[in-house]
Amino acid sequence: MNENILLKVPTLRRGYRFQFEPAQDCHVLLYPEGMIKLNDSASEILQRVDGARTVGGIVAQLQARFPEAEGIEEDILAFVEVAVERFWIELR
């Protein structure tokens, strides 16, 4: 992925839903064939995927929320790349 990704707006793919699952005690991504249990980092990112914020906006929000986390931009971009490859999200 290139730097233009920061200008893209991520959205959950059709049929996917992000929610907290009390039985799993974590956030999950639900889709017709199953469920993906998410770690805290993935949950923080996906909570901000609302179809309005750009990837750059998500990065800025998480940098402000976790100022001590070095390399957070690279981690977020890596997650977005994986989420696109696995068809969890789309970039517009």
PDB file of N, CA and C in Angstrom:
ATOM      1  N   MET A   1       0.844  -1.179   0.000  1.00  0.00           N
ATOM      2  CA  MET A   1       0.000   0.000   0.000  1.00  0.00           C
ATOM      3  C   MET A   1       0.888   1.240   0.000  1.00  0.00           C
ATOM      4  N   ASN A   2       0.348   2.302  -0.536  1.00  0.00           N
ATOM      5  CA  ASN A   2       1.143   3.520  -0.631  1.00  0.00           C
ATOM      6  C   ASN A   2       0.621   4.598   0.313  1.00  0.00           C
ATOM      7  N   GLU A   3       1.257   5.751   0.264  1.00  0.00           N
ATOM      8  CA  GLU A   3       0.884   6.830   1.179  1.00  0.00           C
ATOM      9  C   GLU A   3      -0.533   7.347   0.933  1.00  0.00           C
ATOM     10  N   ASN A   4      -1.068   7.131  -0.261  1.00  0.00           N
ATOM     11  CA  ASN A   4      -2.423   7.576  -0.544  1.00  0.00           C
ATOM     12  C   ASN A   4      -3.449   6.869   0.332  1.00  0.00           C
ATOM     13  N   ILE A   5      -3.050   5.782   0.964  1.00  0.00           N
ATOM     14  CA  ILE A   5      -3.974   5.067   1.845  1.00  0.00           C
ATOM     15  C   ILE A   5      -4.455   5.974   2.971  1.00  0.00           C
ATOM     16  N   LEU A   6      -3.636   6.915   3.394  1.00  0.00           N
ATOM     17  CA  LEU A   6      -4.027   7.820   4.475  1.00  0.00           C
ATOM     18  C   LEU A   6      -5.229   8.679   4.098  1.00  0.00           C
ATOM     19  N   LEU A   7      -5.462   8.856   2.806  1.00  0.00           N
ATOM     20  CA  LEU A   7      -6.583   9.663   2.329  1.00  0.00           C
ATOM     21  C   LEU A   7      -7.840   8.832   2.081  1.00  0.00           C
ATOM     22  N   LYS A   8      -7.716   7.524   2.129  1.00  0.00           N
ATOM     23  CA  LYS A   8      -8.844   6.626   1.866  1.00  0.00           C
ATOM     24  C   LYS A   8      -9.747   6.513   3.086  1.00  0.00           C
ATOM     25  N   VAL A   9     -11.015   6.239   2.821  1.00  0.00           N
ATOM     26  CA  VAL A   9     -12.007   6.059   3.881  1.00  0.00           C
ATOM     27  C   VAL A   9     -12.345   4.571   3.975  1.00  0.00           C
ATOM     28  N   PRO A  10     -12.000   3.932   5.091  1.00  0.00           N
ATOM     29  CA  PRO A  10     -12.330   2.513   5.232  1.00  0.00           C
ATOM     30  C   PRO A  10     -13.778   2.307   5.671  1.00  0.00           C
ATOM     31  N   THR A  11     -14.374   1.260   5.172  1.00  0.00           N
ATOM     32  CA  THR A  11     -15.714   0.851   5.585  1.00  0.00           C
ATOM     33  C   THR A  11     -15.712  -0.653   5.766  1.00  0.00           C
ATOM     34  N   LEU A  12     -16.563  -1.130   6.662  1.00  0.00           N
ATOM     35  CA  LEU A  12     -16.721  -2.568   6.790  1.00  0.00           C
ATOM     36  C   LEU A  12     -17.370  -3.091   5.520  1.00  0.00           C
ATOM     37  N   ARG A  13     -16.948  -4.260   5.098  1.00  0.00           N
ATOM     38  CA  ARG A  13     -17.563  -4.863   3.913  1.00  0.00           C
ATOM     39  C   ARG A  13     -19.003  -5.230   4.206  1.00  0.00           C
ATOM     40  N   ARG A  14     -19.786  -5.267   3.174  1.00  0.00           N
ATOM     41  CA  ARG A  14     -21.189  -5.644   3.293  1.00  0.00           C
ATOM     42  C   ARG A  14     -21.279  -7.025   3.933  1.00  0.00           C
ATOM     43  N   GLY A  15     -22.166  -7.141   4.912  1.00  0.00           N
ATOM     44  CA  GLY A  15     -22.344  -8.411   5.603  1.00  0.00           C
ATOM     45  C   GLY A  15     -21.496  -8.568   6.858  1.00  0.00           C
ATOM     46  N   TYR A  16     -20.592  -7.616   7.110  1.00  0.00           N
ATOM     47  CA  TYR A  16     -19.742  -7.663   8.303  1.00  0.00           C
ATOM     48  C   TYR A  16     -20.280  -6.695   9.350  1.00  0.00           C
ATOM     49  N   ARG A  17     -20.180  -7.106  10.610  1.00  0.00           N
ATOM     50  CA  ARG A  17     -20.629  -6.242  11.714  1.00  0.00           C
ATOM     51  C   ARG A  17     -19.621  -6.323  12.849  1.00  0.00           C
ATOM     52  N   PHE A  18     -19.249  -5.163  13.361  1.00  0.00           N
ATOM     53  CA  PHE A  18     -18.311  -5.036  14.476  1.00  0.00           C
ATOM     54  C   PHE A  18     -19.129  -4.834  15.741  1.00  0.00           C
ATOM     55  N   GLN A  19     -18.853  -5.609  16.778  1.00  0.00           N
ATOM     56  CA  GLN A  19     -19.581  -5.443  18.038  1.00  0.00           C
ATOM     57  C   GLN A  19     -18.814  -6.078  19.189  1.00  0.00           C
ATOM     58  N   PHE A  20     -19.206  -5.685  20.402  1.00  0.00           N
ATOM     59  CA  PHE A  20     -18.669  -6.326  21.600  1.00  0.00           C
ATOM     60  C   PHE A  20     -19.512  -7.556  21.878  1.00  0.00           C
ATOM     61  N   GLU A  21     -18.846  -8.666  22.119  1.00  0.00           N
ATOM     62  CA  GLU A  21     -19.531  -9.926  22.388  1.00  0.00           C
ATOM     63  C   GLU A  21     -19.263 -10.329  23.835  1.00  0.00           C
ATOM     64  N   PRO A  22     -20.262 -10.143  24.720  1.00  0.00           N
ATOM     65  CA  PRO A  22     -20.059 -10.465  26.138  1.00  0.00           C
ATOM     66  C   PRO A  22     -19.627 -11.914  26.382  1.00  0.00           C
ATOM     67  N   ALA A  23     -20.155 -12.834  25.617  1.00  0.00           N
ATOM     68  CA  ALA A  23     -19.799 -14.246  25.815  1.00  0.00           C
ATOM     69  C   ALA A  23     -18.317 -14.488  25.532  1.00  0.00           C
ATOM     70  N   GLN A  24     -17.738 -13.701  24.619  1.00  0.00           N
ATOM     71  CA  GLN A  24     -16.317 -13.830  24.288  1.00  0.00           C
ATOM     72  C   GLN A  24     -15.462 -12.866  25.111  1.00  0.00           C
ATOM     73  N   ASP A  25     -16.108 -11.895  25.765  1.00  0.00           N
ATOM     74  CA  ASP A  25     -15.447 -10.845  26.528  1.00  0.00           C
ATOM     75  C   ASP A  25     -14.443 -10.070  25.672  1.00  0.00           C
ATOM     76  N   CYS A  26     -14.852  -9.814  24.416  1.00  0.00           N
ATOM     77  CA  CYS A  26     -14.003  -9.034  23.517  1.00  0.00           C
ATOM     78  C   CYS A  26     -14.846  -8.545  22.349  1.00  0.00           C
ATOM     79  N   HIS A  27     -14.258  -7.643  21.580  1.00  0.00           N
ATOM     80  CA  HIS A  27     -14.903  -7.210  20.352  1.00  0.00           C
ATOM     81  C   HIS A  27     -14.707  -8.299  19.294  1.00  0.00           C
ATOM     82  N   VAL A  28     -15.686  -8.405  18.415  1.00  0.00           N
ATOM     83  CA  VAL A  28     -15.631  -9.393  17.347  1.00  0.00           C
ATOM     84  C   VAL A  28     -16.089  -8.741  16.044  1.00  0.00           C
ATOM     85  N   LEU A  29     -15.737  -9.382  14.980  1.00  0.00           N
ATOM     86  CA  LEU A  29     -16.215  -9.014  13.665  1.00  0.00           C
ATOM     87  C   LEU A  29     -17.049 -10.195  13.187  1.00  0.00           C
ATOM     88  N   LEU A  30     -18.350  -9.959  13.052  1.00  0.00           N
ATOM     89  CA  LEU A  30     -19.265 -11.012  12.632  1.00  0.00           C
ATOM     90  C   LEU A  30     -19.481 -10.933  11.134  1.00  0.00           C
ATOM     91  N   TYR A  31     -19.580 -12.087  10.509  1.00  0.00           N
ATOM     92  CA  TYR A  31     -19.885 -12.164   9.084  1.00  0.00           C
ATOM     93  C   TYR A  31     -20.696 -13.433   8.859  1.00  0.00           C
ATOM     94  N   PRO A  32     -21.338 -13.587   7.699  1.00  0.00           N
ATOM     95  CA  PRO A  32     -22.267 -14.704   7.524  1.00  0.00           C
ATOM     96  C   PRO A  32     -21.687 -16.084   7.818  1.00  0.00           C
ATOM     97  N   GLU A  33     -20.406 -16.304   7.553  1.00  0.00           N
ATOM     98  CA  GLU A  33     -19.808 -17.622   7.755  1.00  0.00           C
ATOM     99  C   GLU A  33     -19.183 -17.820   9.133  1.00  0.00           C
ATOM    100  N   GLY A  34     -19.162 -16.767   9.967  1.00  0.00           N
ATOM    101  CA  GLY A  34     -18.515 -16.945  11.258  1.00  0.00           C
ATOM    102  C   GLY A  34     -18.238 -15.664  12.015  1.00  0.00           C
ATOM    103  N   MET A  35     -17.173 -15.732  12.806  1.00  0.00           N
ATOM    104  CA  MET A  35     -16.828 -14.643  13.711  1.00  0.00           C
ATOM    105  C   MET A  35     -15.314 -14.591  13.866  1.00  0.00           C
ATOM    106  N   ILE A  36     -14.793 -13.373  13.953  1.00  0.00           N
ATOM    107  CA  ILE A  36     -13.369 -13.152  14.182  1.00  0.00           C
ATOM    108  C   ILE A  36     -13.226 -12.462  15.527  1.00  0.00           C
ATOM    109  N   LYS A  37     -12.510 -13.091  16.449  1.00  0.00           N
ATOM    110  CA  LYS A  37     -12.225 -12.450  17.732  1.00  0.00           C
ATOM    111  C   LYS A  37     -11.081 -11.472  17.519  1.00  0.00           C
ATOM    112  N   LEU A  38     -11.255 -10.259  18.022  1.00  0.00           N
ATOM    113  CA  LEU A  38     -10.275  -9.196  17.796  1.00  0.00           C
ATOM    114  C   LEU A  38      -9.491  -8.884  19.062  1.00  0.00           C
ATOM    115  N   ASN A  39      -8.220  -8.563  18.888  1.00  0.00           N
ATOM    116  CA  ASN A  39      -7.437  -8.109  20.031  1.00  0.00           C
ATOM    117  C   ASN A  39      -7.734  -6.632  20.285  1.00  0.00           C
ATOM    118  N   ASP A  40      -7.182  -6.089  21.344  1.00  0.00           N
ATOM    119  CA  ASP A  40      -7.478  -4.705  21.725  1.00  0.00           C
ATOM    120  C   ASP A  40      -7.069  -3.698  20.646  1.00  0.00           C
ATOM    121  N   SER A  41      -5.928  -3.922  20.014  1.00  0.00           N
ATOM    122  CA  SER A  41      -5.458  -2.992  18.983  1.00  0.00           C
ATOM    123  C   SER A  41      -6.399  -2.976  17.787  1.00  0.00           C
ATOM    124  N   ALA A  42      -6.782  -4.144  17.311  1.00  0.00           N
ATOM    125  CA  ALA A  42      -7.710  -4.226  16.181  1.00  0.00           C
ATOM    126  C   ALA A  42      -9.049  -3.593  16.545  1.00  0.00           C
ATOM    127  N   SER A  43      -9.485  -3.801  17.771  1.00  0.00           N
ATOM    128  CA  SER A  43     -10.751  -3.222  18.224  1.00  0.00           C
ATOM    129  C   SER A  43     -10.694  -1.704  18.224  1.00  0.00           C
ATOM    130  N   GLU A  44      -9.585  -1.143  18.697  1.00  0.00           N
ATOM    131  CA  GLU A  44      -9.439   0.319  18.719  1.00  0.00           C
ATOM    132  C   GLU A  44      -9.509   0.893  17.302  1.00  0.00           C
ATOM    133  N   ILE A  45      -8.915   0.202  16.359  1.00  0.00           N
ATOM    134  CA  ILE A  45      -8.943   0.678  14.975  1.00  0.00           C
ATOM    135  C   ILE A  45     -10.350   0.552  14.406  1.00  0.00           C
ATOM    136  N   LEU A  46     -10.950  -0.633  14.521  1.00  0.00           N
ATOM    137  CA  LEU A  46     -12.261  -0.863  13.908  1.00  0.00           C
ATOM    138  C   LEU A  46     -13.371  -0.037  14.545  1.00  0.00           C
ATOM    139  N   GLN A  47     -13.206   0.365  15.798  1.00  0.00           N
ATOM    140  CA  GLN A  47     -14.201   1.247  16.417  1.00  0.00           C
ATOM    141  C   GLN A  47     -14.295   2.572  15.666  1.00  0.00           C
ATOM    142  N   ARG A  48     -13.251   2.932  14.974  1.00  0.00           N
ATOM    143  CA  ARG A  48     -13.189   4.215  14.275  1.00  0.00           C
ATOM    144  C   ARG A  48     -13.524   4.099  12.787  1.00  0.00           C
ATOM    145  N   VAL A  49     -13.744   2.886  12.316  1.00  0.00           N
ATOM    146  CA  VAL A  49     -14.134   2.679  10.919  1.00  0.00           C
ATOM    147  C   VAL A  49     -15.632   2.931  10.821  1.00  0.00           C
ATOM    148  N   ASP A  50     -15.974   4.155  10.399  1.00  0.00           N
ATOM    149  CA  ASP A  50     -17.376   4.560  10.386  1.00  0.00           C
ATOM    150  C   ASP A  50     -17.855   5.024   9.013  1.00  0.00           C
ATOM    151  N   GLY A  51     -17.006   4.884   7.995  1.00  0.00           N
ATOM    152  CA  GLY A  51     -17.387   5.310   6.661  1.00  0.00           C
ATOM    153  C   GLY A  51     -17.222   6.800   6.430  1.00  0.00           C
ATOM    154  N   ALA A  52     -16.756   7.526   7.439  1.00  0.00           N
ATOM    155  CA  ALA A  52     -16.550   8.967   7.314  1.00  0.00           C
ATOM    156  C   ALA A  52     -15.078   9.349   7.526  1.00  0.00           C
ATOM    157  N   ARG A  53     -14.432   8.699   8.479  1.00  0.00           N
ATOM    158  CA  ARG A  53     -13.034   9.025   8.791  1.00  0.00           C
ATOM    159  C   ARG A  53     -12.094   8.396   7.770  1.00  0.00           C
ATOM    160  N   THR A  54     -11.049   9.138   7.449  1.00  0.00           N
ATOM    161  CA  THR A  54      -9.994   8.587   6.604  1.00  0.00           C
ATOM    162  C   THR A  54      -9.065   7.744   7.466  1.00  0.00           C
ATOM    163  N   VAL A  55      -8.234   6.962   6.797  1.00  0.00           N
ATOM    164  CA  VAL A  55      -7.216   6.200   7.527  1.00  0.00           C
ATOM    165  C   VAL A  55      -6.305   7.173   8.273  1.00  0.00           C
ATOM    166  N   GLY A  56      -5.961   8.285   7.649  1.00  0.00           N
ATOM    167  CA  GLY A  56      -5.140   9.307   8.301  1.00  0.00           C
ATOM    168  C   GLY A  56      -5.811   9.869   9.542  1.00  0.00           C
ATOM    169  N   GLY A  57      -7.119  10.059   9.481  1.00  0.00           N
ATOM    170  CA  GLY A  57      -7.865  10.537  10.647  1.00  0.00           C
ATOM    171  C   GLY A  57      -7.852   9.534  11.780  1.00  0.00           C
ATOM    172  N   ILE A  58      -7.961   8.269  11.428  1.00  0.00           N
ATOM    173  CA  ILE A  58      -7.906   7.207  12.441  1.00  0.00           C
ATOM    174  C   ILE A  58      -6.526   7.178  13.086  1.00  0.00           C
ATOM    175  N   VAL A  59      -5.497   7.291  12.265  1.00  0.00           N
ATOM    176  CA  VAL A  59      -4.122   7.331  12.780  1.00  0.00           C
ATOM    177  C   VAL A  59      -3.964   8.493  13.753  1.00  0.00           C
ATOM    178  N   ALA A  60      -4.430   9.674  13.367  1.00  0.00           N
ATOM    179  CA  ALA A  60      -4.290  10.865  14.220  1.00  0.00           C
ATOM    180  C   ALA A  60      -5.017  10.686  15.543  1.00  0.00           C
ATOM    181  N   GLN A  61      -6.224  10.128  15.501  1.00  0.00           N
ATOM    182  CA  GLN A  61      -6.980   9.906  16.744  1.00  0.00           C
ATOM    183  C   GLN A  61      -6.255   8.928  17.661  1.00  0.00           C
ATOM    184  N   LEU A  62      -5.744   7.854  17.104  1.00  0.00           N
ATOM    185  CA  LEU A  62      -5.074   6.860  17.943  1.00  0.00           C
ATOM    186  C   LEU A  62      -3.716   7.344  18.432  1.00  0.00           C
ATOM    187  N   GLN A  63      -3.031   8.162  17.645  1.00  0.00           N
ATOM    188  CA  GLN A  63      -1.780   8.762  18.127  1.00  0.00           C
ATOM    189  C   GLN A  63      -2.057   9.684  19.309  1.00  0.00           C
ATOM    190  N   ALA A  64      -3.163  10.421  19.254  1.00  0.00           N
ATOM    191  CA  ALA A  64      -3.527  11.303  20.360  1.00  0.00           C
ATOM    192  C   ALA A  64      -3.948  10.501  21.589  1.00  0.00           C
ATOM    193  N   ARG A  65      -4.661   9.413  21.379  1.00  0.00           N
ATOM    194  CA  ARG A  65      -5.128   8.585  22.498  1.00  0.00           C
ATOM    195  C   ARG A  65      -3.993   7.800  23.151  1.00  0.00           C
ATOM    196  N   PHE A  66      -3.023   7.367  22.341  1.00  0.00           N
ATOM    197  CA  PHE A  66      -1.908   6.567  22.848  1.00  0.00           C
ATOM    198  C   PHE A  66      -0.576   7.214  22.462  1.00  0.00           C
ATOM    199  N   PRO A  67      -0.267   8.388  23.044  1.00  0.00           N
ATOM    200  CA  PRO A  67       0.945   9.112  22.642  1.00  0.00           C
ATOM    201  C   PRO A  67       2.243   8.362  22.941  1.00  0.00           C
ATOM    202  N   GLU A  68       2.199   7.437  23.865  1.00  0.00           N
ATOM    203  CA  GLU A  68       3.408   6.686  24.227  1.00  0.00           C
ATOM    204  C   GLU A  68       3.692   5.528  23.273  1.00  0.00           C
ATOM    205  N   ALA A  69       2.761   5.215  22.383  1.00  0.00           N
ATOM    206  CA  ALA A  69       2.903   4.064  21.482  1.00  0.00           C
ATOM    207  C   ALA A  69       3.723   4.456  20.254  1.00  0.00           C
ATOM    208  N   GLU A  70       4.990   4.091  20.280  1.00  0.00           N
ATOM    209  CA  GLU A  70       5.865   4.392  19.146  1.00  0.00           C
ATOM    210  C   GLU A  70       5.526   3.482  17.977  1.00  0.00           C
ATOM    211  N   GLY A  71       5.586   4.015  16.782  1.00  0.00           N
ATOM    212  CA  GLY A  71       5.341   3.225  15.585  1.00  0.00           C
ATOM    213  C   GLY A  71       3.880   2.888  15.359  1.00  0.00           C
ATOM    214  N   ILE A  72       2.987   3.625  16.000  1.00  0.00           N
ATOM    215  CA  ILE A  72       1.566   3.297  15.909  1.00  0.00           C
ATOM    216  C   ILE A  72       1.050   3.457  14.475  1.00  0.00           C
ATOM    217  N   GLU A  73       1.548   4.449  13.742  1.00  0.00           N
ATOM    218  CA  GLU A  73       1.073   4.631  12.364  1.00  0.00           C
ATOM    219  C   GLU A  73       1.379   3.393  11.523  1.00  0.00           C
ATOM    220  N   GLU A  74       2.579   2.876  11.635  1.00  0.00           N
ATOM    221  CA  GLU A  74       2.953   1.693  10.867  1.00  0.00           C
ATOM    222  C   GLU A  74       2.089   0.495  11.259  1.00  0.00           C
ATOM    223  N   ASP A  75       1.803   0.356  12.546  1.00  0.00           N
ATOM    224  CA  ASP A  75       0.957  -0.752  13.013  1.00  0.00           C
ATOM    225  C   ASP A  75      -0.461  -0.634  12.452  1.00  0.00           C
ATOM    226  N   ILE A  76      -0.998   0.573  12.442  1.00  0.00           N
ATOM    227  CA  ILE A  76      -2.352   0.782  11.920  1.00  0.00           C
ATOM    228  C   ILE A  76      -2.382   0.491  10.426  1.00  0.00           C
ATOM    229  N   LEU A  77      -1.399   0.988   9.693  1.00  0.00           N
ATOM    230  CA  LEU A  77      -1.352   0.741   8.258  1.00  0.00           C
ATOM    231  C   LEU A  77      -1.198  -0.738   7.954  1.00  0.00           C
ATOM    232  N   ALA A  78      -0.415  -1.446   8.751  1.00  0.00           N
ATOM    233  CA  ALA A  78      -0.272  -2.894   8.567  1.00  0.00           C
ATOM    234  C   ALA A  78      -1.597  -3.606   8.820  1.00  0.00           C
ATOM    235  N   PHE A  79      -2.319  -3.185   9.867  1.00  0.00           N
ATOM    236  CA  PHE A  79      -3.621  -3.792  10.148  1.00  0.00           C
ATOM    237  C   PHE A  79      -4.588  -3.535   8.995  1.00  0.00           C
ATOM    238  N   VAL A  80      -4.633  -2.301   8.508  1.00  0.00           N
ATOM    239  CA  VAL A  80      -5.539  -1.965   7.410  1.00  0.00           C
ATOM    240  C   VAL A  80      -5.217  -2.825   6.186  1.00  0.00           C
ATOM    241  N   GLU A  81      -3.942  -2.993   5.900  1.00  0.00           N
ATOM    242  CA  GLU A  81      -3.545  -3.819   4.758  1.00  0.00           C
ATOM    243  C   GLU A  81      -4.050  -5.254   4.918  1.00  0.00           C
ATOM    244  N   VAL A  82      -3.880  -5.821   6.092  1.00  0.00           N
ATOM    245  CA  VAL A  82      -4.352  -7.184   6.351  1.00  0.00           C
ATOM    246  C   VAL A  82      -5.874  -7.250   6.267  1.00  0.00           C
ATOM    247  N   ALA A  83      -6.552  -6.260   6.841  1.00  0.00           N
ATOM    248  CA  ALA A  83      -8.022  -6.250   6.836  1.00  0.00           C
ATOM    249  C   ALA A  83      -8.568  -6.156   5.411  1.00  0.00           C
ATOM    250  N   VAL A  84      -7.892  -5.421   4.545  1.00  0.00           N
ATOM    251  CA  VAL A  84      -8.305  -5.338   3.143  1.00  0.00           C
ATOM    252  C   VAL A  84      -8.058  -6.681   2.456  1.00  0.00           C
ATOM    253  N   GLU A  85      -6.879  -7.269   2.682  1.00  0.00           N
ATOM    254  CA  GLU A  85      -6.542  -8.561   2.071  1.00  0.00           C
ATOM    255  C   GLU A  85      -7.509  -9.668   2.489  1.00  0.00           C
ATOM    256  N   ARG A  86      -7.977  -9.601   3.727  1.00  0.00           N
ATOM    257  CA  ARG A  86      -8.899 -10.631   4.241  1.00  0.00           C
ATOM    258  C   ARG A  86     -10.360 -10.275   3.974  1.00  0.00           C
ATOM    259  N   PHE A  87     -10.576  -9.167   3.265  1.00  0.00           N
ATOM    260  CA  PHE A  87     -11.914  -8.718   2.869  1.00  0.00           C
ATOM    261  C   PHE A  87     -12.798  -8.314   4.041  1.00  0.00           C
ATOM    262  N   TRP A  88     -12.198  -7.836   5.144  1.00  0.00           N
ATOM    263  CA  TRP A  88     -12.965  -7.333   6.270  1.00  0.00           C
ATOM    264  C   TRP A  88     -13.441  -5.912   5.999  1.00  0.00           C
ATOM    265  N   ILE A  89     -12.577  -5.125   5.352  1.00  0.00           N
ATOM    266  CA  ILE A  89     -12.901  -3.726   5.064  1.00  0.00           C
ATOM    267  C   ILE A  89     -12.611  -3.429   3.599  1.00  0.00           C
ATOM    268  N   GLU A  90     -13.186  -2.332   3.144  1.00  0.00           N
ATOM    269  CA  GLU A  90     -12.929  -1.794   1.812  1.00  0.00           C
ATOM    270  C   GLU A  90     -12.440  -0.361   1.989  1.00  0.00           C
ATOM    271  N   LEU A  91     -11.657   0.109   1.032  1.00  0.00           N
ATOM    272  CA  LEU A  91     -11.180   1.482   1.054  1.00  0.00           C
ATOM    273  C   LEU A  91     -11.801   2.240  -0.104  1.00  0.00           C
ATOM    274  N   ARG A  92     -12.362   3.413   0.232  1.00  0.00           N
ATOM    275  CA  ARG A  92     -12.936   4.282  -0.806  1.00  0.00           C
ATOM    276  C   ARG A  92     -12.107   5.526  -0.935  1.00  0.00           C
TER     277      ARG A  92
END
